[in-house]
C-alpha cells in the first residue's frame, strides 16, 4: 500500500529551533497608518451598518459609502473612529472585531496612544478648538 508510506524523508538529525522566538514589534504599515489618520474626519454614524434610509439619503446627498472594501482595514477604521472620539473607552465589541481582524492588543494600544498624543499636541497654527 503505497499511500500509507511516509511522504517526508526520514532525517536522523534533529533541527533545533530557538526556544523563544521574539514577537514582532507592534507596528502598522503605511496604508494602515493612513487609515488611522483618515478616521479622524469620520463621524460616528459611519461605523454603523447602513440601512435603506441612510443609503437613500447618502445617494441624495452624493455621499460615498464610508466603509472600506478590505474587512481588515474596515475593522481598523472602525476602531480608529471610536478611538478618535472616545480614546480608550470603546465598546468591547469594537476591540473584539479589531482583534479578530488579525491585529494584536499591542497594536490596539499603539493606535490609541498615538491618537491620544495627536489630540494632546495640536498642529502649530491651529486653534485647540479644531480638535474638539
Foldseek 3Di string as FASTA:
>chain_A
DVVPDDPDDDDPDDDDDDPDDDDDQQDDDPVLVVLLVVLLPDDLVLLDDDDPVNVVVCVVVVHDNPADPDQLSRLSSNLSNCLLVPQPPDDPVSVVSNVVSPHDPSNSVVSSVVSVVPLVDDDPPDDNVVSD
